[in-house]
Amino acid sequence: MDDTIFLNMVKTTVEKYGCTIVEVDLDNRVLNLDGPDESVADCARAIAKLVDNT
């Protein structure tokens, strides 16, 4: 998956769950998210699902 597409998908998902992106490591596809614990967990699950489906 192209980095631009990946970041757009992540940005949309993060906004949907009310989290913020603290740091992104594109080489390793690692995201550091901030927000309420439940929101971050939901956001992480949604992003993982997106990545698994691509």
Protein backbone atom coordinates (compact mmCIF):
# COMPACT_ATOMS: atom_id res chain seq x y z
CA MET A 1 0.00 0.00 0.00
CA ASP A 2 1.24 3.47 -0.91
CA ASP A 3 2.31 5.64 2.08
CA THR A 4 -0.04 8.46 1.07
CA ILE A 5 -3.03 6.14 0.92
CA PHE A 6 -2.02 4.56 4.23
CA LEU A 7 -1.73 7.95 5.94
CA ASN A 8 -5.07 9.13 4.55
CA MET A 9 -6.79 5.98 5.82
CA VAL A 10 -5.15 6.38 9.22
CA LYS A 11 -6.04 10.08 9.43
CA THR A 12 -9.68 9.40 8.62
CA THR A 13 -9.88 6.58 11.15
CA VAL A 14 -8.13 8.57 13.88
CA GLU A 15 -10.51 11.50 13.40
CA LYS A 16 -13.52 9.16 13.49
CA TYR A 17 -12.52 7.80 16.91
CA GLY A 18 -11.45 11.13 18.41
CA CYS A 19 -7.77 10.32 18.78
CA THR A 20 -4.68 12.21 17.69
CA ILE A 21 -1.53 10.98 15.96
CA VAL A 22 1.54 11.66 18.09
CA GLU A 23 4.17 9.96 15.93
CA VAL A 24 4.33 7.91 12.73
CA ASP A 25 7.09 5.51 11.68
CA LEU A 26 6.29 4.75 8.04
CA ASP A 27 9.17 2.33 7.58
CA ASN A 28 7.84 0.01 10.28
CA ARG A 29 4.17 1.12 10.01
CA VAL A 30 4.11 2.03 13.70
CA LEU A 31 1.68 4.64 15.02
CA ASN A 32 1.71 6.36 18.37
CA LEU A 33 -1.82 7.52 19.17
CA ASP A 34 -3.12 9.72 21.97
CA GLY A 35 -6.57 10.04 23.45
CA PRO A 36 -8.84 8.33 25.95
CA ASP A 37 -7.82 4.71 26.46
CA GLU A 38 -11.04 3.29 25.04
CA SER A 39 -10.87 5.53 21.97
CA VAL A 40 -7.24 4.64 21.30
CA ALA A 41 -8.05 0.93 21.62
CA ASP A 42 -11.02 1.23 19.25
CA CYS A 43 -8.95 3.28 16.81
CA ALA A 44 -6.08 0.79 16.88
CA ARG A 45 -8.46 -2.10 16.20
CA ALA A 46 -10.04 -0.22 13.29
CA ILE A 47 -6.63 0.60 11.78
CA ALA A 48 -5.48 -3.01 12.19
CA LYS A 49 -8.63 -4.17 10.40
CA LEU A 50 -7.98 -1.72 7.55
CA VAL A 51 -4.40 -2.89 7.18
CA ASP A 52 -5.42 -6.56 7.25
CA ASN A 53 -7.97 -5.98 4.48
CA THR A 54 -5.49 -4.34 2.09
